[in-house]
C-alpha atoms as a PDB file:
ATOM      1  CA  MET A   1       8.910 -11.255  12.919  1.00  0.00           C
ATOM      2  CA  ALA A   2       5.328 -10.830  11.756  1.00  0.00           C
ATOM      3  CA  ARG A   3       3.654 -13.561   9.682  1.00  0.00           C
ATOM      4  CA  VAL A   4       1.586 -11.631   7.160  1.00  0.00           C
ATOM      5  CA  ALA A   5      -0.537 -12.709   4.207  1.00  0.00           C
ATOM      6  CA  LEU A   6      -1.429 -10.157   1.548  1.00  0.00           C
ATOM      7  CA  ILE A   7      -4.137 -10.523  -1.082  1.00  0.00           C
ATOM      8  CA  GLY A   8      -3.579  -8.092  -3.873  1.00  0.00           C
ATOM      9  CA  GLU A   9      -2.779  -7.019  -7.366  1.00  0.00           C
ATOM     10  CA  LEU A  10       0.422  -7.490  -9.355  1.00  0.00           C
ATOM     11  CA  ASN A  11       1.647  -5.222 -12.139  1.00  0.00           C
ATOM     12  CA  LEU A  12       4.664  -3.243 -13.297  1.00  0.00           C
ATOM     13  CA  ASP A  13       5.272   0.495 -13.082  1.00  0.00           C
ATOM     14  CA  LEU A  14       6.846   2.602 -15.773  1.00  0.00           C
ATOM     15  CA  ILE A  15       8.240   5.467 -13.688  1.00  0.00           C
ATOM     16  CA  VAL A  16       8.731   8.793 -15.448  1.00  0.00           C
ATOM     17  CA  THR A  17      10.946  11.188 -13.485  1.00  0.00           C
ATOM     18  CA  GLY A  18      11.963  14.787 -13.924  1.00  0.00           C
ATOM     19  CA  ALA A  19       8.840  15.771 -15.828  1.00  0.00           C
ATOM     20  CA  PRO A  20       8.403  19.565 -16.043  1.00  0.00           C
ATOM     21  CA  GLY A  21       4.648  19.013 -16.076  1.00  0.00           C
ATOM     22  CA  LEU A  22       1.984  16.910 -17.728  1.00  0.00           C
ATOM     23  CA  PRO A  23       1.771  17.303 -21.506  1.00  0.00           C
ATOM     24  CA  GLU A  24      -1.290  18.731 -23.125  1.00  0.00           C
ATOM     25  CA  LEU A  25      -2.862  16.726 -25.943  1.00  0.00           C
ATOM     26  CA  GLY A  26      -0.896  17.102 -29.137  1.00  0.00           C
ATOM     27  CA  THR A  27       2.288  18.237 -27.373  1.00  0.00           C
ATOM     28  CA  GLU A  28       5.471  16.603 -26.120  1.00  0.00           C
ATOM     29  CA  LYS A  29       7.605  17.182 -23.029  1.00  0.00           C
ATOM     30  CA  ILE A  30      11.156  15.963 -22.412  1.00  0.00           C
ATOM     31  CA  VAL A  31      11.645  14.174 -19.074  1.00  0.00           C
ATOM     32  CA  GLY A  32      14.659  13.310 -16.960  1.00  0.00           C
ATOM     33  CA  GLY A  33      14.377   9.543 -17.038  1.00  0.00           C
ATOM     34  CA  MET A  34      12.256   6.401 -17.147  1.00  0.00           C
ATOM     35  CA  ALA A  35      12.509   3.078 -15.315  1.00  0.00           C
ATOM     36  CA  LEU A  36      10.482  -0.131 -15.454  1.00  0.00           C
ATOM     37  CA  THR A  37      10.000  -1.409 -11.898  1.00  0.00           C
ATOM     38  CA  LEU A  38       7.712  -3.579  -9.800  1.00  0.00           C
ATOM     39  CA  GLY A  39       4.402  -1.838  -9.248  1.00  0.00           C
ATOM     40  CA  SER A  40       1.092  -2.435  -7.469  1.00  0.00           C
ATOM     41  CA  SER A  41       0.303  -1.341  -3.941  1.00  0.00           C
ATOM     42  CA  SER A  42       0.096  -4.874  -2.586  1.00  0.00           C
ATOM     43  CA  ALA A  43       3.383  -6.073  -4.075  1.00  0.00           C
ATOM     44  CA  ILE A  44       5.259  -2.951  -2.963  1.00  0.00           C
ATOM     45  CA  MET A  45       3.966  -3.416   0.570  1.00  0.00           C
ATOM     46  CA  ALA A  46       4.876  -7.123   0.508  1.00  0.00           C
ATOM     47  CA  CYS A  47       8.417  -6.207  -0.519  1.00  0.00           C
ATOM     48  CA  GLN A  48       8.714  -3.655   2.299  1.00  0.00           C
ATOM     49  CA  LEU A  49       7.576  -6.185   4.895  1.00  0.00           C
ATOM     50  CA  ALA A  50      10.064  -8.728   3.559  1.00  0.00           C
ATOM     51  CA  ARG A  51      12.794  -6.077   3.575  1.00  0.00           C
ATOM     52  CA  LEU A  52      12.087  -5.487   7.264  1.00  0.00           C
ATOM     53  CA  GLY A  53      12.474  -9.205   7.956  1.00  0.00           C
ATOM     54  CA  ASP A  54       8.836 -10.312   8.154  1.00  0.00           C
ATOM     55  CA  ASP A  55       7.496 -13.647   6.886  1.00  0.00           C
ATOM     56  CA  VAL A  56       5.374 -12.665   3.880  1.00  0.00           C
ATOM     57  CA  ARG A  57       2.879 -14.724   1.896  1.00  0.00           C
ATOM     58  CA  PHE A  58       1.669 -12.938  -1.237  1.00  0.00           C
ATOM     59  CA  ILE A  59      -1.567 -14.101  -2.908  1.00  0.00           C
ATOM     60  CA  SER A  60      -2.136 -12.701  -6.377  1.00  0.00           C
ATOM     61  CA  LYS A  61      -2.626 -13.351 -10.086  1.00  0.00           C
ATOM     62  CA  ALA A  62      -0.428 -12.565 -13.089  1.00  0.00           C
ATOM     63  CA  GLY A  63      -0.556 -13.096 -16.816  1.00  0.00           C
ATOM     64  CA  ALA A  64       1.792 -15.495 -18.616  1.00  0.00           C
ATOM     65  CA  ASP A  65       3.388 -12.620 -20.504  1.00  0.00           C
ATOM     66  CA  ASP A  66       6.645 -10.688 -20.327  1.00  0.00           C
ATOM     67  CA  PHE A  67       5.287  -8.197 -17.800  1.00  0.00           C
ATOM     68  CA  GLY A  68       4.083 -11.085 -15.609  1.00  0.00           C
ATOM     69  CA  ARG A  69       7.442 -12.861 -15.755  1.00  0.00           C
ATOM     70  CA  ARG A  70       9.262  -9.655 -14.912  1.00  0.00           C
ATOM     71  CA  ALA A  71       6.911  -8.991 -11.968  1.00  0.00           C
ATOM     72  CA  LEU A  72       7.531 -12.466 -10.543  1.00  0.00           C
ATOM     73  CA  ASP A  73      11.289 -12.031 -10.985  1.00  0.00           C
ATOM     74  CA  PHE A  74      11.113  -8.708  -9.120  1.00  0.00           C
ATOM     75  CA  LEU A  75       9.260 -10.386  -6.229  1.00  0.00           C
ATOM     76  CA  ARG A  76      11.719 -13.258  -5.954  1.00  0.00           C
ATOM     77  CA  ALA A  77      14.672 -10.879  -6.050  1.00  0.00           C
ATOM     78  CA  ARG A  78      13.163  -9.134  -3.023  1.00  0.00           C
ATOM     79  CA  GLU A  79      12.622 -12.441  -1.183  1.00  0.00           C
ATOM     80  CA  VAL A  80       8.835 -12.457  -1.549  1.00  0.00           C
ATOM     81  CA  PRO A  81       7.695 -16.043  -2.262  1.00  0.00           C
ATOM     82  CA  THR A  82       5.536 -16.464  -5.372  1.00  0.00           C
ATOM     83  CA  GLU A  83       4.031 -19.912  -4.730  1.00  0.00           C
ATOM     84  CA  PHE A  84       0.571 -18.398  -4.179  1.00  0.00           C
ATOM     85  CA  VAL A  85       0.657 -16.217  -7.304  1.00  0.00           C
ATOM     86  CA  THR A  86      -1.507 -17.833  -9.990  1.00  0.00           C
ATOM     87  CA  VAL A  87      -0.237 -17.433 -13.566  1.00  0.00           C
ATOM     88  CA  ASP A  88      -3.080 -17.364 -16.101  1.00  0.00           C
ATOM     89  CA  ALA A  89      -2.187 -17.583 -19.794  1.00  0.00           C
ATOM     90  CA  SER A  90      -5.529 -16.036 -20.776  1.00  0.00           C
ATOM     91  CA  LEU A  91      -4.760 -12.745 -18.999  1.00  0.00           C
ATOM     92  CA  SER A  92      -2.437  -9.810 -19.541  1.00  0.00           C
ATOM     93  CA  THR A  93      -0.428  -8.312 -16.705  1.00  0.00           C
ATOM     94  CA  GLY A  94      -1.235  -4.700 -15.869  1.00  0.00           C
ATOM     95  CA  LEU A  95       0.984  -1.658 -16.178  1.00  0.00           C
ATOM     96  CA  THR A  96       0.919   1.754 -14.499  1.00  0.00           C
ATOM     97  CA  ILE A  97       2.626   4.782 -16.015  1.00  0.00           C
ATOM     98  CA  SER A  98       3.567   7.029 -13.087  1.00  0.00           C
ATOM     99  CA  ILE A  99       4.686  10.567 -13.961  1.00  0.00           C
ATOM    100  CA  ALA A 100       6.529  12.392 -11.193  1.00  0.00           C
ATOM    101  CA  VAL A 101       6.184  16.188 -11.293  1.00  0.00           C
ATOM    102  CA  GLY A 102       7.926  17.825  -8.357  1.00  0.00           C
ATOM    103  CA  ASN A 103       6.690  16.194  -5.163  1.00  0.00           C
ATOM    104  CA  ASP A 104       3.487  14.939  -6.750  1.00  0.00           C
ATOM    105  CA  ARG A 105       2.629  12.407  -9.424  1.00  0.00           C
ATOM    106  CA  ALA A 106      -0.066  11.406 -11.909  1.00  0.00           C
ATOM    107  CA  GLN A 107      -0.815   7.863 -13.017  1.00  0.00           C
ATOM    108  CA  LEU A 108      -2.351   5.973 -15.910  1.00  0.00           C
ATOM    109  CA  THR A 109      -3.158   2.289 -15.297  1.00  0.00           C
ATOM    110  CA  HIS A 110      -4.070  -0.646 -17.507  1.00  0.00           C
ATOM    111  CA  LEU A 111      -5.645  -3.030 -15.012  1.00  0.00           C
ATOM    112  CA  GLY A 112      -5.084  -6.277 -16.909  1.00  0.00           C
ATOM    113  CA  CYS A 113      -5.227  -9.151 -14.437  1.00  0.00           C
ATOM    114  CA  ILE A 114      -5.570  -6.747 -11.478  1.00  0.00           C
ATOM    115  CA  GLU A 115      -9.359  -6.862 -11.768  1.00  0.00           C
ATOM    116  CA  GLU A 116      -9.428 -10.639 -12.326  1.00  0.00           C
ATOM    117  CA  MET A 117      -8.614 -11.701  -8.752  1.00  0.00           C
ATOM    118  CA  ARG A 118     -11.724 -13.340  -7.245  1.00  0.00           C
ATOM    119  CA  ALA A 119     -12.670 -14.854  -3.911  1.00  0.00           C
ATOM    120  CA  GLY A 120     -12.854 -18.256  -5.614  1.00  0.00           C
ATOM    121  CA  ASP A 121      -9.146 -17.956  -6.426  1.00  0.00           C
ATOM    122  CA  LEU A 122      -8.261 -17.778  -2.744  1.00  0.00           C
ATOM    123  CA  ASP A 123      -6.979 -20.972  -1.133  1.00  0.00           C
ATOM    124  CA  PHE A 124      -7.620 -20.403   2.561  1.00  0.00           C
ATOM    125  CA  ASN A 125      -4.784 -22.820   3.314  1.00  0.00           C
ATOM    126  CA  ALA A 126      -2.595 -19.863   2.388  1.00  0.00           C
ATOM    127  CA  LEU A 127      -3.688 -18.304   5.686  1.00  0.00           C
ATOM    128  CA  ARG A 128      -2.455 -21.255   7.688  1.00  0.00           C
ATOM    129  CA  ASP A 129       0.085 -20.147  10.329  1.00  0.00           C
ATOM    130  CA  ARG A 130      -0.475 -16.450   9.474  1.00  0.00           C
ATOM    131  CA  GLN A 131      -1.215 -13.874  12.172  1.00  0.00           C
ATOM    132  CA  HIS A 132      -2.409 -11.035   9.950  1.00  0.00           C
ATOM    133  CA  LEU A 133      -4.152 -10.521   6.585  1.00  0.00           C
ATOM    134  CA  HIS A 134      -3.897  -7.354   4.523  1.00  0.00           C
ATOM    135  CA  VAL A 135      -5.731  -6.213   1.383  1.00  0.00           C
ATOM    136  CA  SER A 136      -4.618  -3.246  -0.720  1.00  0.00           C
ATOM    137  CA  ALA A 137      -6.051  -1.724  -3.902  1.00  0.00           C
ATOM    138  CA  PHE A 138      -9.595  -2.510  -2.810  1.00  0.00           C
ATOM    139  CA  TYR A 139     -11.179  -0.451  -5.601  1.00  0.00           C
ATOM    140  CA  ALA A 140      -8.830  -1.593  -8.361  1.00  0.00           C
ATOM    141  CA  GLN A 141      -9.642  -5.230  -7.551  1.00  0.00           C
ATOM    142  CA  ARG A 142     -13.151  -4.919  -8.919  1.00  0.00           C
ATOM    143  CA  ASN A 143     -14.050  -8.610  -8.812  1.00  0.00           C
ATOM    144  CA  LEU A 144     -12.692  -9.152  -5.301  1.00  0.00           C
ATOM    145  CA  ARG A 145     -13.936  -6.163  -3.334  1.00  0.00           C
ATOM    146  CA  ALA A 146     -17.512  -7.408  -2.826  1.00  0.00           C
ATOM    147  CA  ASP A 147     -16.080 -10.404  -0.951  1.00  0.00           C
ATOM    148  CA  VAL A 148     -13.406  -8.686   1.145  1.00  0.00           C
ATOM    149  CA  GLY A 149     -15.719  -8.359   4.143  1.00  0.00           C
ATOM    150  CA  ARG A 150     -16.467 -12.104   4.052  1.00  0.00           C
ATOM    151  CA  ILE A 151     -12.792 -12.960   3.531  1.00  0.00           C
ATOM    152  CA  PHE A 152     -11.847 -10.843   6.554  1.00  0.00           C
ATOM    153  CA  ALA A 153     -14.599 -12.482   8.616  1.00  0.00           C
ATOM    154  CA  ARG A 154     -13.176 -15.925   7.793  1.00  0.00           C
ATOM    155  CA  ALA A 155      -9.702 -14.666   8.666  1.00  0.00           C
ATOM    156  CA  HIS A 156     -11.015 -13.515  12.046  1.00  0.00           C
ATOM    157  CA  GLU A 157     -12.474 -16.967  12.619  1.00  0.00           C
ATOM    158  CA  ARG A 158      -8.966 -18.360  12.098  1.00  0.00           C
ATOM    159  CA  GLY A 159      -7.517 -15.921  14.633  1.00  0.00           C
ATOM    160  CA  LEU A 160      -5.959 -13.445  12.197  1.00  0.00           C
ATOM    161  CA  THR A 161      -6.176  -9.679  12.471  1.00  0.00           C
ATOM    162  CA  THR A 162      -6.912  -7.661   9.318  1.00  0.00           C
ATOM    163  CA  SER A 163      -5.942  -4.411   7.631  1.00  0.00           C
ATOM    164  CA  LEU A 164      -7.183  -2.552   4.566  1.00  0.00           C
ATOM    165  CA  ASP A 165      -5.898   0.157   2.238  1.00  0.00           C
ATOM    166  CA  THR A 166      -8.515   0.957  -0.379  1.00  0.00           C
ATOM    167  CA  GLY A 167      -6.442   3.024  -2.751  1.00  0.00           C
ATOM    168  CA  TRP A 168      -8.200   5.771  -4.676  1.00  0.00           C
ATOM    169  CA  PRO A 169     -12.019   5.406  -4.557  1.00  0.00           C
ATOM    170  CA  GLN A 170     -13.037   5.268  -8.171  1.00  0.00           C
ATOM    171  CA  GLU A 171     -16.656   4.897  -9.272  1.00  0.00           C
ATOM    172  CA  GLU A 172     -17.995   4.909  -5.734  1.00  0.00           C
ATOM    173  CA  ALA A 173     -16.845   6.812  -2.673  1.00  0.00           C
ATOM    174  CA  GLY A 174     -18.050   4.365  -0.056  1.00  0.00           C
ATOM    175  CA  GLY A 175     -20.852   2.004  -0.857  1.00  0.00           C
ATOM    176  CA  ARG A 176     -21.984  -1.364   0.418  1.00  0.00           C
ATOM    177  CA  ASP A 177     -18.768  -3.241  -0.414  1.00  0.00           C
ATOM    178  CA  PHE A 178     -16.615  -0.723   1.451  1.00  0.00           C
ATOM    179  CA  THR A 179     -18.959  -0.664   4.453  1.00  0.00           C
ATOM    180  CA  ALA A 180     -18.907  -4.467   4.686  1.00  0.00           C
ATOM    181  CA  ALA A 181     -15.121  -4.598   4.422  1.00  0.00           C
ATOM    182  CA  LEU A 182     -14.545  -1.802   6.951  1.00  0.00           C
ATOM    183  CA  ALA A 183     -16.788  -3.584   9.474  1.00  0.00           C
ATOM    184  CA  GLN A 184     -14.299  -6.493   9.447  1.00  0.00           C
ATOM    185  CA  THR A 185     -11.144  -4.340   9.354  1.00  0.00           C
ATOM    186  CA  ASP A 186      -8.927  -4.030  12.434  1.00  0.00           C
ATOM    187  CA  ILE A 187      -6.519  -1.449  10.959  1.00  0.00           C
ATOM    188  CA  PHE A 188      -7.615   0.967   8.234  1.00  0.00           C
ATOM    189  CA  LEU A 189      -4.808   2.760   6.352  1.00  0.00           C
ATOM    190  CA  PRO A 190      -6.073   5.465   3.934  1.00  0.00           C
ATOM    191  CA  ASN A 191      -4.328   8.655   2.925  1.00  0.00           C
ATOM    192  CA  GLU A 192      -5.929  11.983   3.786  1.00  0.00           C
ATOM    193  CA  VAL A 193      -7.794  12.475   0.488  1.00  0.00           C
ATOM    194  CA  GLU A 194      -9.119   8.909   0.523  1.00  0.00           C
ATOM    195  CA  ALA A 195     -10.155   9.250   4.180  1.00  0.00           C
ATOM    196  CA  MET A 196     -12.207  12.385   3.490  1.00  0.00           C
ATOM    197  CA  ARG A 197     -13.755  11.027   0.297  1.00  0.00           C
ATOM    198  CA  LEU A 198     -14.725   7.690   1.862  1.00  0.00           C
ATOM    199  CA  SER A 199     -16.163   9.283   5.004  1.00  0.00           C
ATOM    200  CA  GLY A 200     -17.873  12.163   3.212  1.00  0.00           C
ATOM    201  CA  GLN A 201     -16.167  14.638   5.552  1.00  0.00           C
ATOM    202  CA  ASP A 202     -14.410  17.899   4.687  1.00  0.00           C
ATOM    203  CA  SER A 203     -11.397  17.643   7.014  1.00  0.00           C
ATOM    204  CA  VAL A 204      -8.942  15.027   8.212  1.00  0.00           C
ATOM    205  CA  GLU A 205     -10.109  15.496  11.788  1.00  0.00           C
ATOM    206  CA  LYS A 206     -13.754  14.836  10.916  1.00  0.00           C
ATOM    207  CA  ALA A 207     -12.778  11.903   8.718  1.00  0.00           C
ATOM    208  CA  LEU A 208     -10.746  10.424  11.563  1.00  0.00           C
ATOM    209  CA  ASP A 209     -13.738  10.751  13.901  1.00  0.00           C
ATOM    210  CA  TRP A 210     -16.074   9.109  11.389  1.00  0.00           C
ATOM    211  CA  LEU A 211     -13.754   6.240  10.502  1.00  0.00           C
ATOM    212  CA  ALA A 212     -12.744   5.568  14.115  1.00  0.00           C
ATOM    213  CA  GLU A 213     -16.386   4.849  14.906  1.00  0.00           C
ATOM    214  CA  ARG A 214     -16.228   2.002  12.389  1.00  0.00           C
ATOM    215  CA  ALA A 215     -12.724   0.507  12.713  1.00  0.00           C
ATOM    216  CA  PRO A 216     -10.716  -0.164  15.911  1.00  0.00           C
ATOM    217  CA  THR A 217      -7.525   1.449  14.590  1.00  0.00           C
ATOM    218  CA  VAL A 218      -7.403   4.122  11.885  1.00  0.00           C
ATOM    219  CA  VAL A 219      -4.149   5.458  10.419  1.00  0.00           C
ATOM    220  CA  ILE A 220      -4.309   8.400   8.003  1.00  0.00           C
ATOM    221  CA  LYS A 221      -1.231   9.170   5.903  1.00  0.00           C
ATOM    222  CA  LEU A 222      -0.660  12.907   5.521  1.00  0.00           C
ATOM    223  CA  GLY A 223       2.219  13.012   3.024  1.00  0.00           C
ATOM    224  CA  THR A 224       4.759  15.658   3.985  1.00  0.00           C
ATOM    225  CA  GLU A 225       2.811  16.268   7.199  1.00  0.00           C
ATOM    226  CA  GLY A 226       3.462  12.731   8.482  1.00  0.00           C
ATOM    227  CA  ALA A 227       0.574  10.636   9.779  1.00  0.00           C
ATOM    228  CA  VAL A 228      -2.128  10.537  12.425  1.00  0.00           C
ATOM    229  CA  ALA A 229      -3.684   7.499  14.092  1.00  0.00           C
ATOM    230  CA  ARG A 230      -6.508   6.744  16.484  1.00  0.00           C
ATOM    231  CA  ARG A 231      -7.052   3.620  18.544  1.00  0.00           C
ATOM    232  CA  GLY A 232      -9.954   3.838  20.944  1.00  0.00           C
ATOM    233  CA  GLU A 233      -9.499   7.042  22.939  1.00  0.00           C
ATOM    234  CA  GLU A 234      -5.841   7.417  21.934  1.00  0.00           C
ATOM    235  CA  THR A 235      -4.936   9.802  19.119  1.00  0.00           C
ATOM    236  CA  VAL A 236      -1.310  10.234  18.013  1.00  0.00           C
ATOM    237  CA  ARG A 237       0.135  12.480  15.300  1.00  0.00           C
ATOM    238  CA  ARG A 238       3.759  12.127  14.165  1.00  0.00           C
ATOM    239  CA  PRO A 239       5.599  14.456  11.769  1.00  0.00           C
ATOM    240  CA  ALA A 240       7.327  13.342   8.590  1.00  0.00           C
ATOM    241  CA  PHE A 241      11.095  13.239   8.160  1.00  0.00           C
ATOM    242  CA  GLU A 242      13.083  15.812   6.207  1.00  0.00           C
ATOM    243  CA  ILE A 243      14.123  14.121   2.984  1.00  0.00           C
ATOM    244  CA  GLU A 244      14.348  15.301  -0.615  1.00  0.00           C
ATOM    245  CA  PRO A 245      12.296  12.826  -2.684  1.00  0.00           C
ATOM    246  CA  VAL A 246      13.300  11.530  -6.096  1.00  0.00           C
ATOM    247  CA  ASP A 247      10.015   9.680  -6.694  1.00  0.00           C
ATOM    248  CA  THR A 248       7.087   9.217  -4.305  1.00  0.00           C
ATOM    249  CA  THR A 249       5.599   6.198  -6.094  1.00  0.00           C
ATOM    250  CA  GLY A 250       4.607   3.571  -3.511  1.00  0.00           C
ATOM    251  CA  ALA A 251       5.653   5.660  -0.496  1.00  0.00           C
ATOM    252  CA  GLY A 252       2.284   5.064   1.168  1.00  0.00           C
ATOM    253  CA  ASP A 253       2.628   1.306   0.634  1.00  0.00           C
ATOM    254  CA  SER A 254       6.093   1.325   2.201  1.00  0.00           C
ATOM    255  CA  PHE A 255       4.594   3.341   5.070  1.00  0.00           C
ATOM    256  CA  ASN A 256       1.982   0.604   5.498  1.00  0.00           C
ATOM    257  CA  GLY A 257       4.709  -2.035   5.675  1.00  0.00           C
ATOM    258  CA  GLY A 258       6.701  -0.112   8.256  1.00  0.00           C
ATOM    259  CA  PHE A 259       3.660   0.672  10.382  1.00  0.00           C
ATOM    260  CA  LEU A 260       2.402  -2.924  10.383  1.00  0.00           C
ATOM    261  CA  HIS A 261       5.866  -4.340  11.100  1.00  0.00           C
ATOM    262  CA  ALA A 262       6.054  -2.296  14.299  1.00  0.00           C
ATOM    263  CA  TYR A 263       2.376  -2.492  15.255  1.00  0.00           C
ATOM    264  CA  LEU A 264       2.155  -6.284  14.929  1.00  0.00           C
ATOM    265  CA  ALA A 265       5.253  -6.576  17.118  1.00  0.00           C
ATOM    266  CA  GLY A 266       3.424  -4.712  19.890  1.00  0.00           C
ATOM    267  CA  ALA A 267       4.962  -1.251  19.433  1.00  0.00           C
ATOM    268  CA  SER A 268       3.105   1.868  20.536  1.00  0.00           C
ATOM    269  CA  LEU A 269       1.098   3.918  18.076  1.00  0.00           C
ATOM    270  CA  ALA A 270       3.775   6.617  18.106  1.00  0.00           C
ATOM    271  CA  ASP A 271       6.613   4.181  17.408  1.00  0.00           C
ATOM    272  CA  SER A 272       4.579   2.442  14.706  1.00  0.00           C
ATOM    273  CA  LEU A 273       3.880   5.767  12.994  1.00  0.00           C
ATOM    274  CA  ASP A 274       7.560   6.701  13.191  1.00  0.00           C
ATOM    275  CA  LEU A 275       8.658   3.476  11.523  1.00  0.00           C
ATOM    276  CA  GLY A 276       5.966   3.906   8.885  1.00  0.00           C
ATOM    277  CA  ASN A 277       7.052   7.479   8.198  1.00  0.00           C
ATOM    278  CA  ALA A 278      10.692   6.379   7.987  1.00  0.00           C
ATOM    279  CA  CYS A 279       9.956   3.568   5.522  1.00  0.00           C
ATOM    280  CA  GLY A 280       7.779   5.845   3.420  1.00  0.00           C
ATOM    281  CA  ALA A 281      10.437   8.572   3.325  1.00  0.00           C
ATOM    282  CA  LEU A 282      13.358   6.271   2.517  1.00  0.00           C
ATOM    283  CA  SER A 283      11.423   4.608  -0.311  1.00  0.00           C
ATOM    284  CA  THR A 284      11.455   7.912  -2.219  1.00  0.00           C
ATOM    285  CA  ARG A 285      15.268   7.976  -2.657  1.00  0.00           C
ATOM    286  CA  ALA A 286      15.130   6.395  -6.141  1.00  0.00           C
ATOM    287  CA  PRO A 287      12.576   5.843  -8.913  1.00  0.00           C
ATOM    288  CA  GLY A 288      10.063   3.063  -8.278  1.00  0.00           C
ATOM    289  CA  GLY A 289       8.290   1.793  -5.217  1.00  0.00           C
ATOM    290  CA  THR A 290      10.766  -0.943  -4.258  1.00  0.00           C
ATOM    291  CA  THR A 291      14.148   0.290  -5.531  1.00  0.00           C
ATOM    292  CA  SER A 292      15.229   2.033  -2.324  1.00  0.00           C
ATOM    293  CA  GLN A 293      13.049   0.483   0.377  1.00  0.00           C
ATOM    294  CA  ALA A 294      14.620   0.588   3.815  1.00  0.00           C
ATOM    295  CA  THR A 295      16.012  -2.220   5.890  1.00  0.00           C
ATOM    296  CA  LEU A 296      14.965  -2.213   9.534  1.00  0.00           C
ATOM    297  CA  ALA A 297      18.374  -0.830  10.533  1.00  0.00           C
ATOM    298  CA  GLU A 298      18.094   2.029   8.027  1.00  0.00           C
ATOM    299  CA  ALA A 299      14.567   2.923   9.147  1.00  0.00           C
ATOM    300  CA  GLU A 300      15.492   2.826  12.824  1.00  0.00           C
ATOM    301  CA  GLU A 301      18.544   5.009  12.173  1.00  0.00           C
ATOM    302  CA  LEU A 302      16.363   7.596  10.442  1.00  0.00           C
ATOM    303  CA  VAL A 303      13.897   7.562  13.331  1.00  0.00           C
ATOM    304  CA  GLY A 304      16.684   8.091  15.814  1.00  0.00           C
ATOM    305  CA  SER A 305      18.677  10.777  14.011  1.00  0.00           C
ATOM    306  CA  ALA A 306      16.806  12.600  11.255  1.00  0.00           C
ATOM    307  CA  PRO A 307      15.175  16.010  11.622  1.00  0.00           C
ATOM    308  CA  ARG A 308      11.376  16.186  11.355  1.00  0.00           C
ATOM    309  CA  ARG A 309       9.390  18.440   9.099  1.00  0.00           C
ATOM    310  CA  ARG A 310       7.781  21.398  10.816  1.00  0.00           C
ATOM    311  CA  PRO A 311       3.977  21.428  10.660  1.00  0.00           C
ATOM    312  CA  ALA A 312       2.654  23.658   7.877  1.00  0.00           C
END
């Protein structure tokens, strides 16, 4: 059982499924369904780790509004403690509208309190007895990202390892804050588009080379192609599992949870990628990032029995 602390954002997702496409301005499209679920990369990952049986400590901020109360209720229902989530009556809780079209999705996000998390809000006692610290949504957390490198350095001083998932690079595709954070990151977990954008490279292979010179372990999520990882001289690529997705929202965050669960327990890169791929795939069985997250038994069964996708 890993003892993981996560610093991250907290918001809800309004999941729109069965959309025939995105509407043009001034038009309307009829969709298959909608569901209000727990959102935010960090919270979804925290729920996946808890689902796998890990000891999770989630550090975040929420507004004292209906969305905030619902988000906290979602966390508690998934056995993620909320004692380190600060509730601020002056803030609103964010919301993401996620529109699933086929196997892809588009999102609109109101950040709300997501961008209000600051280094000064962090009680380092929350890292007591932890073995690992993770930060997601690096770019969305606009008032935290400049301090992530220093936070990771302090975590290292306390004996913790660190991991980072930036999310989509918004107004900068690298920059000083990212460079400082990556220098203190033990495990970097971008998807393929993020990896290429952040490294300035035009292929996954070149991005992996560039990033691996700057972080000890790099894991690039490749969607339906699975994932590839490099640690030192070792490079491992594992295919995805054959599964028909209902909604891919949060699949990468569930992948992160599965990968870290195995990796922190001492599993090989290949086995860690397999568990990550399994958790990511199984999370797509229902709308929302946390609705159908896998237990450890379910993920291990998929790894042991399910067919893999053939490389494109």
